[in-house]
Amino acid sequence: MKFAMSFTYDNLTDSILVFSKKSTEHVQGSVKMGNLVLDLTPEGNVVGIEIRKATGFFKMLGLKTSFETVESATLSVKRMVDGVLIFIRFKFENKEEKKFPIFVSAESPQFAMT
């Protein structure tokens, strides 16, 4: 099954969007939790993530590079009993790669596992 993979940075809103979904999937809704917005399918699968205030996110991760040097980004999601573990992998123009985990608890009032 084919996946559509997308990465964009919007410097006007300082937001990163990483999107990965099967061609047969569609987004039913979004869940906002702080500076994160998760896009969900009707089955509750996370297929996209928006990181608002992305400059601060990169600084928090210790990255000293700018978004203009990001060549690509990929998203992978692992459902767990107590939540969802989201991995974002950034690949930079200098061929360096960084992978970051984001854990979203199933107990969060905005996020209910299906």
N, C-alpha and C. Protein backbone atom coordinates (compact mmCIF):
# COMPACT_ATOMS: atom_id res chain seq x y z
N MET A 1 0.84 -1.17 0.00
CA MET A 1 0.00 0.00 0.00
C MET A 1 0.88 1.23 0.00
N LYS A 2 0.57 2.22 -0.81
CA LYS A 2 1.36 3.44 -0.92
C LYS A 2 1.07 4.40 0.23
N PHE A 3 2.13 5.09 0.64
CA PHE A 3 2.01 6.12 1.67
C PHE A 3 2.30 7.47 1.04
N ALA A 4 1.57 8.47 1.45
CA ALA A 4 1.87 9.84 1.07
C ALA A 4 2.66 10.44 2.23
N MET A 5 3.86 10.92 1.96
CA MET A 5 4.70 11.50 3.00
C MET A 5 4.92 12.96 2.66
N SER A 6 4.75 13.82 3.64
CA SER A 6 4.85 15.24 3.40
C SER A 6 5.52 15.92 4.57
N PHE A 7 6.30 16.96 4.28
CA PHE A 7 6.91 17.79 5.31
C PHE A 7 6.87 19.22 4.82
N THR A 8 6.38 20.11 5.66
CA THR A 8 6.42 21.54 5.33
C THR A 8 6.73 22.33 6.59
N TYR A 9 7.35 23.46 6.36
CA TYR A 9 7.56 24.44 7.43
C TYR A 9 6.96 25.75 6.96
N ASP A 10 6.09 26.31 7.76
CA ASP A 10 5.46 27.58 7.45
C ASP A 10 6.10 28.65 8.33
N ASN A 11 6.95 29.50 7.72
CA ASN A 11 7.65 30.49 8.53
C ASN A 11 6.73 31.62 9.00
N LEU A 12 5.60 31.79 8.35
CA LEU A 12 4.64 32.82 8.78
C LEU A 12 4.01 32.46 10.12
N THR A 13 3.68 31.15 10.30
CA THR A 13 3.08 30.69 11.55
C THR A 13 4.07 29.95 12.45
N ASP A 14 5.31 29.76 11.97
CA ASP A 14 6.34 29.02 12.70
C ASP A 14 5.84 27.63 13.08
N SER A 15 5.32 26.91 12.07
CA SER A 15 4.77 25.57 12.28
C SER A 15 5.40 24.56 11.34
N ILE A 16 5.62 23.36 11.88
CA ILE A 16 6.08 22.21 11.10
C ILE A 16 4.89 21.28 10.94
N LEU A 17 4.72 20.73 9.74
CA LEU A 17 3.70 19.72 9.51
C LEU A 17 4.38 18.51 8.89
N VAL A 18 4.24 17.36 9.54
CA VAL A 18 4.73 16.09 9.01
C VAL A 18 3.52 15.19 8.88
N PHE A 19 3.33 14.64 7.69
CA PHE A 19 2.11 13.91 7.39
C PHE A 19 2.48 12.61 6.70
N SER A 20 1.90 11.51 7.16
CA SER A 20 2.15 10.21 6.56
C SER A 20 0.88 9.38 6.65
N LYS A 21 0.31 9.06 5.50
CA LYS A 21 -0.90 8.25 5.53
C LYS A 21 -0.97 7.37 4.30
N LYS A 22 -1.70 6.29 4.44
CA LYS A 22 -1.95 5.40 3.32
C LYS A 22 -2.88 6.10 2.35
N SER A 23 -2.80 5.73 1.09
CA SER A 23 -3.65 6.36 0.07
C SER A 23 -5.13 6.11 0.33
N THR A 24 -5.46 5.07 1.10
CA THR A 24 -6.85 4.75 1.38
C THR A 24 -7.37 5.41 2.66
N GLU A 25 -6.49 6.09 3.40
CA GLU A 25 -6.88 6.73 4.66
C GLU A 25 -7.29 8.17 4.43
N HIS A 26 -8.16 8.64 5.31
CA HIS A 26 -8.48 10.07 5.31
C HIS A 26 -8.54 10.56 6.75
N VAL A 27 -8.34 11.84 6.90
CA VAL A 27 -8.34 12.45 8.23
C VAL A 27 -9.77 12.77 8.63
N GLN A 28 -10.16 12.29 9.79
CA GLN A 28 -11.51 12.57 10.29
C GLN A 28 -11.50 13.81 11.18
N GLY A 29 -10.44 14.00 11.93
CA GLY A 29 -10.39 15.14 12.83
C GLY A 29 -9.01 15.34 13.39
N SER A 30 -8.88 16.39 14.18
CA SER A 30 -7.61 16.74 14.79
C SER A 30 -7.79 16.93 16.28
N VAL A 31 -6.71 16.69 17.01
CA VAL A 31 -6.69 16.85 18.45
C VAL A 31 -5.55 17.80 18.78
N LYS A 32 -5.83 18.86 19.52
CA LYS A 32 -4.81 19.82 19.90
C LYS A 32 -4.41 19.57 21.35
N MET A 33 -3.09 19.49 21.57
CA MET A 33 -2.55 19.31 22.91
C MET A 33 -1.34 20.22 23.03
N GLY A 34 -1.52 21.37 23.66
CA GLY A 34 -0.42 22.32 23.76
C GLY A 34 -0.03 22.82 22.38
N ASN A 35 1.24 22.68 22.04
CA ASN A 35 1.74 23.12 20.74
C ASN A 35 1.68 22.03 19.68
N LEU A 36 1.06 20.89 20.02
CA LEU A 36 0.94 19.79 19.07
C LEU A 36 -0.50 19.67 18.58
N VAL A 37 -0.64 19.38 17.29
CA VAL A 37 -1.94 19.05 16.72
C VAL A 37 -1.77 17.72 16.00
N LEU A 38 -2.54 16.71 16.43
CA LEU A 38 -2.48 15.38 15.82
C LEU A 38 -3.66 15.21 14.89
N ASP A 39 -3.40 14.72 13.67
CA ASP A 39 -4.46 14.39 12.73
C ASP A 39 -4.76 12.91 12.84
N LEU A 40 -6.06 12.58 12.98
CA LEU A 40 -6.48 11.20 13.23
C LEU A 40 -7.43 10.70 12.15
N THR A 41 -7.32 9.41 11.86
CA THR A 41 -8.26 8.74 10.97
C THR A 41 -9.48 8.33 11.79
N PRO A 42 -10.56 7.86 11.13
CA PRO A 42 -11.72 7.38 11.88
C PRO A 42 -11.39 6.23 12.83
N GLU A 43 -10.34 5.46 12.53
CA GLU A 43 -9.92 4.35 13.38
C GLU A 43 -9.04 4.80 14.54
N GLY A 44 -8.72 6.09 14.62
CA GLY A 44 -7.89 6.60 15.70
C GLY A 44 -6.41 6.56 15.42
N ASN A 45 -6.01 6.29 14.18
CA ASN A 45 -4.59 6.26 13.83
C ASN A 45 -4.07 7.69 13.63
N VAL A 46 -2.89 7.97 14.18
CA VAL A 46 -2.26 9.27 13.97
C VAL A 46 -1.56 9.25 12.62
N VAL A 47 -1.95 10.15 11.72
CA VAL A 47 -1.35 10.19 10.38
C VAL A 47 -0.68 11.52 10.08
N GLY A 48 -0.75 12.45 11.03
CA GLY A 48 -0.10 13.74 10.83
C GLY A 48 0.13 14.43 12.16
N ILE A 49 1.14 15.28 12.18
CA ILE A 49 1.42 16.05 13.37
C ILE A 49 1.84 17.45 12.94
N GLU A 50 1.28 18.43 13.61
CA GLU A 50 1.70 19.82 13.42
C GLU A 50 2.36 20.25 14.73
N ILE A 51 3.53 20.84 14.61
CA ILE A 51 4.24 21.36 15.77
C ILE A 51 4.24 22.87 15.64
N ARG A 52 3.47 23.51 16.52
CA ARG A 52 3.42 24.97 16.53
C ARG A 52 4.56 25.50 17.38
N LYS A 53 4.96 26.74 17.09
CA LYS A 53 6.13 27.34 17.75
C LYS A 53 7.34 26.44 17.54
N ALA A 54 7.53 26.07 16.29
CA ALA A 54 8.55 25.08 15.93
C ALA A 54 9.97 25.54 16.24
N THR A 55 10.24 26.83 16.14
CA THR A 55 11.58 27.32 16.46
C THR A 55 11.94 26.98 17.89
N GLY A 56 11.00 27.18 18.81
CA GLY A 56 11.23 26.82 20.21
C GLY A 56 11.39 25.32 20.39
N PHE A 57 10.64 24.54 19.60
CA PHE A 57 10.75 23.08 19.64
C PHE A 57 12.16 22.65 19.25
N PHE A 58 12.69 23.22 18.16
CA PHE A 58 14.05 22.87 17.73
C PHE A 58 15.07 23.28 18.80
N LYS A 59 14.90 24.45 19.38
CA LYS A 59 15.84 24.89 20.42
C LYS A 59 15.78 23.96 21.63
N MET A 60 14.56 23.54 22.01
CA MET A 60 14.39 22.64 23.14
C MET A 60 15.12 21.30 22.88
N LEU A 61 15.16 20.88 21.62
CA LEU A 61 15.84 19.63 21.27
C LEU A 61 17.34 19.81 21.10
N GLY A 62 17.81 21.04 21.21
CA GLY A 62 19.23 21.31 21.09
C GLY A 62 19.72 21.44 19.66
N LEU A 63 18.80 21.62 18.71
CA LEU A 63 19.20 21.78 17.32
C LEU A 63 19.57 23.23 17.05
N LYS A 64 20.72 23.41 16.44
CA LYS A 64 21.18 24.76 16.16
C LYS A 64 21.02 25.11 14.67
N THR A 65 20.30 24.30 13.97
CA THR A 65 20.11 24.50 12.54
C THR A 65 18.75 25.15 12.28
N SER A 66 18.59 25.67 11.08
CA SER A 66 17.31 26.29 10.74
C SER A 66 16.48 25.31 9.91
N PHE A 67 15.21 25.61 9.78
CA PHE A 67 14.31 24.74 9.04
C PHE A 67 14.63 24.72 7.56
N GLU A 68 15.28 25.78 7.07
CA GLU A 68 15.64 25.82 5.66
C GLU A 68 16.63 24.72 5.29
N THR A 69 17.33 24.17 6.29
CA THR A 69 18.30 23.11 6.02
C THR A 69 17.69 21.71 6.15
N VAL A 70 16.42 21.62 6.51
CA VAL A 70 15.76 20.31 6.59
C VAL A 70 15.42 19.86 5.17
N GLU A 71 15.95 18.72 4.79
CA GLU A 71 15.73 18.17 3.46
C GLU A 71 14.43 17.37 3.41
N SER A 72 14.17 16.61 4.48
CA SER A 72 12.96 15.81 4.54
C SER A 72 12.66 15.44 5.99
N ALA A 73 11.45 14.98 6.21
CA ALA A 73 11.06 14.51 7.54
C ALA A 73 10.11 13.34 7.36
N THR A 74 10.20 12.38 8.27
CA THR A 74 9.30 11.23 8.23
C THR A 74 8.66 11.06 9.59
N LEU A 75 7.51 10.45 9.56
CA LEU A 75 6.71 10.23 10.76
C LEU A 75 6.44 8.75 10.91
N SER A 76 6.66 8.23 12.10
CA SER A 76 6.25 6.86 12.39
C SER A 76 5.56 6.86 13.75
N VAL A 77 4.56 6.01 13.88
CA VAL A 77 3.73 5.99 15.07
C VAL A 77 3.63 4.57 15.60
N LYS A 78 3.80 4.43 16.90
CA LYS A 78 3.65 3.12 17.53
C LYS A 78 2.60 3.26 18.63
N ARG A 79 1.50 2.53 18.46
CA ARG A 79 0.45 2.52 19.50
C ARG A 79 0.91 1.64 20.64
N MET A 80 0.68 2.15 21.84
CA MET A 80 1.05 1.43 23.04
C MET A 80 -0.18 1.34 23.93
N VAL A 81 -0.13 0.52 24.94
CA VAL A 81 -1.27 0.36 25.83
C VAL A 81 -1.62 1.68 26.52
N ASP A 82 -0.60 2.43 26.92
CA ASP A 82 -0.84 3.66 27.68
C ASP A 82 -0.75 4.94 26.86
N GLY A 83 -0.70 4.83 25.52
CA GLY A 83 -0.63 6.02 24.68
C GLY A 83 -0.07 5.74 23.31
N VAL A 84 0.49 6.78 22.74
CA VAL A 84 1.05 6.69 21.39
C VAL A 84 2.46 7.26 21.43
N LEU A 85 3.41 6.54 20.82
CA LEU A 85 4.78 7.02 20.70
C LEU A 85 4.99 7.44 19.25
N ILE A 86 5.26 8.71 19.06
CA ILE A 86 5.44 9.27 17.72
C ILE A 86 6.91 9.58 17.53
N PHE A 87 7.47 9.14 16.41
CA PHE A 87 8.86 9.45 16.07
C PHE A 87 8.87 10.35 14.84
N ILE A 88 9.61 11.44 14.96
CA ILE A 88 9.84 12.31 13.80
C ILE A 88 11.32 12.25 13.49
N ARG A 89 11.64 11.94 12.25
CA ARG A 89 13.05 11.88 11.81
C ARG A 89 13.27 13.01 10.80
N PHE A 90 14.20 13.90 11.14
CA PHE A 90 14.57 14.98 10.24
C PHE A 90 15.87 14.63 9.54
N LYS A 91 15.92 14.85 8.24
CA LYS A 91 17.15 14.68 7.48
C LYS A 91 17.54 16.05 6.96
N PHE A 92 18.79 16.44 7.23
CA PHE A 92 19.26 17.77 6.89
C PHE A 92 20.10 17.75 5.62
N GLU A 93 20.30 18.93 5.04
CA GLU A 93 21.05 19.04 3.79
C GLU A 93 22.46 18.47 3.91
N ASN A 94 23.05 18.56 5.10
CA ASN A 94 24.40 18.02 5.30
C ASN A 94 24.39 16.50 5.53
N LYS A 95 23.22 15.88 5.29
CA LYS A 95 23.01 14.43 5.41
C LYS A 95 22.91 13.94 6.86
N GLU A 96 23.00 14.85 7.82
CA GLU A 96 22.81 14.48 9.21
C GLU A 96 21.33 14.15 9.44
N GLU A 97 21.07 13.16 10.29
CA GLU A 97 19.71 12.79 10.63
C GLU A 97 19.52 12.83 12.14
N LYS A 98 18.35 13.32 12.54
CA LYS A 98 17.99 13.36 13.96
C LYS A 98 16.60 12.76 14.09
N LYS A 99 16.44 11.88 15.09
CA LYS A 99 15.15 11.24 15.34
C LYS A 99 14.71 11.60 16.75
N PHE A 100 13.45 12.08 16.86
CA PHE A 100 12.94 12.53 18.14
C PHE A 100 11.64 11.83 18.47
N PRO A 101 11.53 11.34 19.70
CA PRO A 101 10.27 10.72 20.14
C PRO A 101 9.37 11.75 20.81
N ILE A 102 8.08 11.58 20.62
CA ILE A 102 7.07 12.37 21.32
C ILE A 102 6.06 11.36 21.85
N PHE A 103 5.88 11.33 23.17
CA PHE A 103 4.91 10.41 23.75
C PHE A 103 3.64 11.16 24.10
N VAL A 104 2.50 10.62 23.68
CA VAL A 104 1.20 11.19 23.99
C VAL A 104 0.45 10.16 24.83
N SER A 105 0.14 10.53 26.06
CA SER A 105 -0.53 9.62 26.98
C SER A 105 -1.99 9.42 26.60
N ALA A 106 -2.47 8.19 26.72
CA ALA A 106 -3.88 7.90 26.47
C ALA A 106 -4.75 8.52 27.54
N GLU A 107 -4.17 8.91 28.66
CA GLU A 107 -4.93 9.51 29.75
C GLU A 107 -5.17 11.00 29.56
N SER A 108 -4.55 11.58 28.53
CA SER A 108 -4.78 12.99 28.25
C SER A 108 -6.26 13.21 27.94
N PRO A 109 -6.89 14.21 28.53
CA PRO A 109 -8.32 14.39 28.30
C PRO A 109 -8.68 14.72 26.85
N GLN A 110 -7.72 15.22 26.07
CA GLN A 110 -8.00 15.55 24.68
C GLN A 110 -7.82 14.36 23.74
N PHE A 111 -7.23 13.29 24.23
CA PHE A 111 -6.85 12.19 23.35
C PHE A 111 -7.40 10.89 23.90
N ALA A 112 -8.30 10.28 23.17
CA ALA A 112 -8.86 8.99 23.61
C ALA A 112 -8.50 7.93 22.60
N MET A 113 -7.90 6.84 23.05
CA MET A 113 -7.54 5.75 22.15
C MET A 113 -8.81 5.00 21.76
N THR A 114 -8.87 4.59 20.50
CA THR A 114 -10.01 3.82 20.04
C THR A 114 -9.63 2.37 19.92
